């Protein structure tokens, strides 16, 4: 293997297994090409990581620096890790870390504590955790993980059961993984916000026409629904009226412009009878003129 400038390789823990991660130090794209007859890429399944947006979307520093802005309750998981250290065997004093205690809360009735001194190291601390009977019964173990040129302490529950760790020293074991019991202050404050009185400005006519009022969000939402219900009912009544008016006008138009077959047939009979009568009168007059003409001769 030939070292590549600006490319960092890191061993990433993934449950009980590990992954190789290659990153470009400046965040730029790069390609990995295998030459010759090697099969490392195929055997390891090395592929692109498509989470490219993760290095561009970040939490504002003023939020991430204050845990109160994120959550009120403590968080836990089945896996915890310490901060990266430059050595797994150097003492914590040499690494500039203070002594402390790792307090484990496995459940409501089971706890354990592991003390570490400035003369301990990641390796000796992992051994102390693995030799604790309470933690061993709970299937909780520790190991030192190499991450590039750094090392960290990884504490895992083999049964994937959640537990809680608090660190009173300078090892800075991460305790912000997963979700556990909190005091619920954020949820309480969120619920209280729906019950606080808020002044809502007058809405324009096209926006519902609600007048200015001071009330809770729940009540204002109810007012919006009530106003919309009234408007919907009025629109339905107007629609029914317009449909009835349209039907009535259609009937009147038909009665005026339409043809009544009975009336037309009766009129034709009257005209026909009148025509026959007129024909008979004409025939009679012709006969009279004919008789008078014969008498004159």
Protein backbone atom coordinates (compact mmCIF):
# COMPACT_ATOMS: atom_id res chain seq x y z
CA UNK A 1 0.00 0.00 0.00
CA UNK A 2 1.20 3.53 -0.81
CA UNK A 3 0.26 6.40 1.50
CA UNK A 4 -1.97 9.05 -0.09
CA UNK A 5 -1.54 12.70 0.87
CA UNK A 6 -4.64 14.22 2.45
CA UNK A 7 -6.44 10.87 2.89
CA UNK A 8 -7.13 9.59 6.42
CA UNK A 9 -8.07 5.99 7.23
CA UNK A 10 -10.14 5.30 10.35
CA UNK A 11 -11.40 2.09 11.96
CA UNK A 12 -15.10 2.62 12.84
CA UNK A 13 -16.88 0.39 15.34
CA UNK A 14 -20.24 -0.89 14.08
CA UNK A 15 -21.92 -2.98 16.78
CA UNK A 16 -19.69 -5.99 17.36
CA UNK A 17 -17.82 -5.45 14.07
CA UNK A 18 -15.59 -2.80 12.52
CA UNK A 19 -15.48 -0.84 9.28
CA UNK A 20 -12.67 0.89 7.37
CA UNK A 21 -13.46 4.52 6.58
CA UNK A 22 -11.41 6.62 4.15
CA UNK A 23 -11.93 10.40 4.16
CA UNK A 24 -10.36 13.33 2.36
CA UNK A 25 -9.10 15.81 4.96
CA UNK A 26 -10.57 18.84 3.15
CA UNK A 27 -13.93 17.22 2.46
CA UNK A 28 -13.32 16.92 -1.28
CA UNK A 29 -14.45 14.02 -3.45
CA UNK A 30 -11.93 11.36 -4.40
CA UNK A 31 -11.85 7.93 -6.04
CA UNK A 32 -10.22 4.66 -4.99
CA UNK A 33 -8.84 2.57 -7.87
CA UNK A 34 -7.22 -0.83 -7.46
CA UNK A 35 -4.45 -1.63 -9.94
CA UNK A 36 -2.83 -4.91 -10.80
CA UNK A 37 -4.49 -8.19 -9.87
CA UNK A 38 -5.50 -7.25 -6.32
CA UNK A 39 -8.99 -7.99 -4.99
CA UNK A 40 -8.99 -5.90 -1.79
CA UNK A 41 -11.85 -3.62 -2.92
CA UNK A 42 -14.02 -6.61 -3.83
CA UNK A 43 -13.23 -8.57 -0.68
CA UNK A 44 -13.79 -5.65 1.71
CA UNK A 45 -16.81 -4.28 -0.16
CA UNK A 46 -15.40 -0.74 -0.13
CA UNK A 47 -17.95 1.67 -1.56
CA UNK A 48 -18.91 5.33 -1.60
CA UNK A 49 -20.52 6.83 1.48
CA UNK A 50 -23.54 8.79 0.25
CA UNK A 51 -23.96 10.87 3.39
CA UNK A 52 -22.18 13.76 1.75
CA UNK A 53 -24.54 16.31 3.24
CA UNK A 54 -23.62 15.32 6.79
CA UNK A 55 -20.46 17.41 6.74
CA UNK A 56 -22.40 20.49 5.64
CA UNK A 57 -25.42 20.41 7.92
CA UNK A 58 -24.42 21.29 11.46
CA UNK A 59 -26.02 22.41 14.72
CA UNK A 60 -25.27 26.02 15.61
CA UNK A 61 -22.41 26.26 18.10
CA UNK A 62 -24.48 28.31 20.59
CA UNK A 63 -27.01 25.45 20.67
CA UNK A 64 -24.64 22.48 20.76
CA UNK A 65 -22.50 24.10 23.47
CA UNK A 66 -25.44 24.18 25.89
CA UNK A 67 -27.03 20.81 26.63
CA UNK A 68 -30.08 22.54 28.10
CA UNK A 69 -30.99 23.64 24.58
CA UNK A 70 -31.03 20.03 23.40
CA UNK A 71 -32.73 18.04 26.16
CA UNK A 72 -33.41 18.16 29.87
CA UNK A 73 -33.14 14.42 30.52
CA UNK A 74 -30.01 12.32 30.49
CA UNK A 75 -29.48 10.05 27.53
CA UNK A 76 -28.23 6.50 27.40
CA UNK A 77 -27.61 3.58 25.11
CA UNK A 78 -26.14 0.11 25.00
CA UNK A 79 -22.75 1.42 23.77
CA UNK A 80 -20.56 4.22 25.11
CA UNK A 81 -17.17 5.55 24.04
CA UNK A 82 -14.59 7.85 25.57
CA UNK A 83 -12.83 10.72 23.86
CA UNK A 84 -9.92 9.82 21.61
CA UNK A 85 -6.59 9.50 23.40
CA UNK A 86 -3.15 9.45 21.81
CA UNK A 87 -2.13 6.26 23.63
CA UNK A 88 -3.82 3.20 25.11
CA UNK A 89 -1.03 2.47 27.61
CA UNK A 90 0.01 5.95 28.76
CA UNK A 91 -1.27 7.01 32.16
CA UNK A 92 -4.11 9.49 32.39
CA UNK A 93 -1.73 11.88 34.14
CA UNK A 94 0.53 11.82 31.08
CA UNK A 95 -2.52 12.40 28.88
CA UNK A 96 -3.65 15.32 31.03
CA UNK A 97 -6.78 13.54 32.32
CA UNK A 98 -8.00 13.76 35.92
CA UNK A 99 -9.06 10.79 38.05
CA UNK A 100 -12.72 9.94 38.45
CA UNK A 101 -15.40 7.32 38.72
CA UNK A 102 -17.53 5.59 36.09
CA UNK A 103 -20.96 5.05 37.66
CA UNK A 104 -23.03 2.38 35.89
CA UNK A 105 -26.83 2.24 36.27
CA UNK A 106 -28.02 -1.05 34.80
CA UNK A 107 -31.59 -0.92 36.10
CA UNK A 108 -33.50 0.57 39.02
CA UNK A 109 -31.89 -1.85 41.51
CA UNK A 110 -28.50 -2.67 39.95
CA UNK A 111 -25.54 -0.29 39.90
CA UNK A 112 -21.75 -0.53 39.76
CA UNK A 113 -18.85 1.89 40.11
CA UNK A 114 -15.35 1.72 38.61
CA UNK A 115 -12.79 4.13 40.04
CA UNK A 116 -9.80 5.15 37.96
CA UNK A 117 -6.72 7.08 39.09
CA UNK A 118 -4.31 9.28 37.21
CA UNK A 119 -1.93 6.34 37.16
CA UNK A 120 -4.37 4.18 35.21
CA UNK A 121 -4.58 3.92 31.42
CA UNK A 122 -7.24 2.95 28.91
CA UNK A 123 -5.96 -0.62 29.01
CA UNK A 124 -6.02 -0.97 32.80
CA UNK A 125 -9.45 0.71 33.01
CA UNK A 126 -10.86 -1.73 30.44
CA UNK A 127 -9.46 -4.61 32.48
CA UNK A 128 -11.05 -3.23 35.66
CA UNK A 129 -14.44 -3.02 33.97
CA UNK A 130 -14.16 -6.56 32.58
CA UNK A 131 -13.23 -7.95 36.01
CA UNK A 132 -16.24 -6.42 37.78
CA UNK A 133 -18.70 -9.21 38.68
CA UNK A 134 -21.83 -7.04 38.49
CA UNK A 135 -20.95 -5.76 35.02
CA UNK A 136 -19.97 -9.22 33.81
CA UNK A 137 -23.34 -10.60 34.95
CA UNK A 138 -25.05 -7.82 32.99
CA UNK A 139 -22.91 -8.73 29.91
CA UNK A 140 -21.25 -5.32 29.96
CA UNK A 141 -17.64 -5.31 28.77
CA UNK A 142 -14.98 -2.82 27.70
CA UNK A 143 -12.28 -2.80 25.04
CA UNK A 144 -9.73 -0.37 23.66
CA UNK A 145 -10.44 0.61 20.05
CA UNK A 146 -7.80 1.92 17.66
CA UNK A 147 -9.08 4.82 15.56
CA UNK A 148 -6.29 5.80 13.21
CA UNK A 149 -3.46 7.02 15.44
CA UNK A 150 -5.82 7.49 18.40
CA UNK A 151 -7.47 5.16 20.89
CA UNK A 152 -10.69 5.22 22.84
CA UNK A 153 -12.47 3.10 25.42
CA UNK A 154 -15.62 1.37 24.15
CA UNK A 155 -18.11 -0.02 26.69
CA UNK A 156 -20.84 -2.31 25.30
CA UNK A 157 -23.73 -4.41 26.52
CA UNK A 158 -23.58 -7.70 24.58
CA UNK A 159 -27.36 -8.12 24.93
CA UNK A 160 -28.00 -4.62 23.51
CA UNK A 161 -29.74 -3.66 26.77
CA UNK A 162 -29.71 0.04 27.62
CA UNK A 163 -27.75 1.22 30.62
CA UNK A 164 -26.48 4.55 31.91
CA UNK A 165 -22.95 5.78 32.59
CA UNK A 166 -21.89 8.99 34.32
CA UNK A 167 -18.22 10.02 34.39
CA UNK A 168 -16.99 12.26 37.19
CA UNK A 169 -13.41 12.46 35.89
CA UNK A 170 -11.60 13.70 32.82
CA UNK A 171 -12.03 10.64 30.63
CA UNK A 172 -15.19 12.18 29.12
CA UNK A 173 -17.07 8.98 28.40
CA UNK A 174 -19.89 9.91 26.02
CA UNK A 175 -23.25 9.64 27.80
CA UNK A 176 -25.38 11.19 25.06
CA UNK A 177 -26.43 8.14 23.04
CA UNK A 178 -29.97 6.85 22.77
CA UNK A 179 -32.90 7.95 24.89
CA UNK A 180 -33.63 7.25 28.53
CA UNK A 181 -35.70 8.59 31.38
CA UNK A 182 -35.66 12.38 31.59
CA UNK A 183 -37.52 14.88 33.74
CA UNK A 184 -39.87 15.81 30.90
CA UNK A 185 -39.35 19.57 31.30
CA UNK A 186 -39.25 20.17 27.55
CA UNK A 187 -42.49 18.27 27.02
CA UNK A 188 -44.13 20.13 29.91
CA UNK A 189 -43.04 23.49 28.53
CA UNK A 190 -44.30 22.54 25.08
CA UNK A 191 -47.68 21.55 26.51
CA UNK A 192 -47.81 24.77 28.55
CA UNK A 193 -47.24 26.82 25.40
CA UNK A 194 -50.60 25.60 24.10
CA UNK A 195 -52.30 26.92 27.25
CA UNK A 196 -50.65 30.36 27.36
CA UNK A 197 -52.74 33.36 26.30
CA UNK A 198 -51.44 34.91 23.07
CA UNK A 199 -52.66 38.03 21.28
CA UNK A 200 -53.64 37.25 17.69
CA UNK A 201 -53.95 40.21 15.32
CA UNK A 202 -57.00 40.76 13.16
CA UNK A 203 -57.03 38.55 10.10
CA UNK A 204 -57.90 40.10 6.70
CA UNK A 205 -61.20 39.19 5.07
CA UNK A 206 -59.52 36.87 2.58
CA UNK A 207 -57.73 35.20 5.48
CA UNK A 208 -60.89 34.36 7.42
CA UNK A 209 -61.78 37.76 8.84
CA UNK A 210 -61.22 36.81 12.48
CA UNK A 211 -61.06 39.81 14.80
CA UNK A 212 -58.14 40.51 17.12
CA UNK A 213 -58.30 38.41 20.26
CA UNK A 214 -56.20 37.21 23.18
CA UNK A 215 -56.61 33.50 23.79
CA UNK A 216 -54.77 30.18 23.75
CA UNK A 217 -53.56 28.40 20.62
CA UNK A 218 -56.14 25.65 21.18
CA UNK A 219 -59.02 28.13 21.47
CA UNK A 220 -57.85 30.14 18.46
CA UNK A 221 -57.67 26.96 16.41
CA UNK A 222 -61.24 26.18 17.50
CA UNK A 223 -62.30 29.69 16.42
CA UNK A 224 -60.77 29.11 12.99
CA UNK A 225 -62.61 25.81 12.61
CA UNK A 226 -65.90 27.38 13.74
CA UNK A 227 -65.56 30.31 11.33
CA UNK A 228 -64.75 27.98 8.45
CA UNK A 229 -67.69 25.74 9.37
CA UNK A 230 -70.08 28.71 9.21
CA UNK A 231 -68.68 29.77 5.82
CA UNK A 232 -68.97 26.23 4.47
CA UNK A 233 -72.60 25.96 5.63
CA UNK A 234 -73.44 29.33 4.02
CA UNK A 235 -71.78 28.29 0.77
CA UNK A 236 -73.74 25.05 0.73
CA UNK A 237 -77.01 26.96 1.19
CA UNK A 238 -76.10 29.37 -1.62
CA UNK A 239 -75.27 26.43 -3.85
CA UNK A 240 -78.62 24.76 -3.19
CA UNK A 241 -80.46 28.04 -3.94
CA UNK A 242 -78.59 28.57 -7.19
CA UNK A 243 -79.26 24.98 -8.29
CA UNK A 244 -83.02 25.40 -7.56
CA UNK A 245 -83.12 28.74 -9.40
CA UNK A 246 -81.36 27.21 -12.40
CA UNK A 247 -83.88 24.37 -12.53
CA UNK A 248 -86.86 26.77 -12.32
CA UNK A 249 -85.52 29.01 -15.09
CA UNK A 250 -84.92 25.95 -17.25
CA UNK A 251 -88.53 24.83 -16.78
CA UNK A 252 -89.89 28.29 -17.64
CA UNK A 253 -87.76 28.46 -20.75
CA UNK A 254 -89.06 25.08 -21.84
CA UNK A 255 -92.68 26.09 -21.30
CA UNK A 256 -92.25 29.20 -23.45
CA UNK A 257 -90.14 27.89 -26.30
CA UNK A 258 -91.32 24.31 -26.37
CA UNK A 259 -94.10 22.81 -28.70
CA UNK A 260 -97.41 21.53 -27.22
CA UNK A 261 -98.46 18.71 -29.52
CA UNK A 262 -102.08 18.62 -28.27
CA UNK A 263 -102.63 22.33 -28.93
CA UNK A 264 -101.02 22.13 -32.35
CA UNK A 265 -103.16 19.11 -33.35
CA UNK A 266 -106.37 20.86 -32.20
CA UNK A 267 -105.47 23.95 -34.23
CA UNK A 268 -104.84 21.82 -37.33
CA UNK A 269 -108.28 20.18 -36.95
CA UNK A 270 -109.98 23.60 -36.69
CA UNK A 271 -108.16 24.85 -39.78
CA UNK A 272 -109.05 21.69 -41.68
CA UNK A 273 -112.76 22.01 -40.80
CA UNK A 274 -112.72 25.66 -41.84
CA UNK A 275 -111.14 24.71 -45.15
CA UNK A 276 -113.84 22.05 -45.81
CA UNK A 277 -116.61 24.51 -44.99
CA UNK A 278 -115.16 27.10 -47.32
CA UNK A 279 -114.92 24.50 -50.08
CA UNK A 280 -118.59 23.60 -49.73
CA UNK A 281 -119.63 27.26 -49.88
CA UNK A 282 -117.64 27.76 -53.05
CA UNK A 283 -119.18 24.61 -54.59
CA UNK A 284 -122.72 25.84 -53.71
CA UNK A 285 -122.09 29.29 -55.21
CA UNK A 286 -120.81 27.71 -58.43
CA UNK A 287 -124.00 25.64 -58.69
CA UNK A 288 -126.14 28.76 -58.19
CA UNK A 289 -124.27 30.65 -60.91
CA UNK A 290 -124.68 27.69 -63.19
CA UNK A 291 -128.49 27.54 -62.65
CA UNK A 292 -128.84 31.30 -63.16
CA UNK A 293 -126.87 31.09 -66.38
CA UNK A 294 -129.19 28.36 -67.72
CA UNK A 295 -132.25 30.41 -66.82
CA UNK A 296 -130.92 33.37 -68.75
CA UNK A 297 -130.50 31.28 -71.84
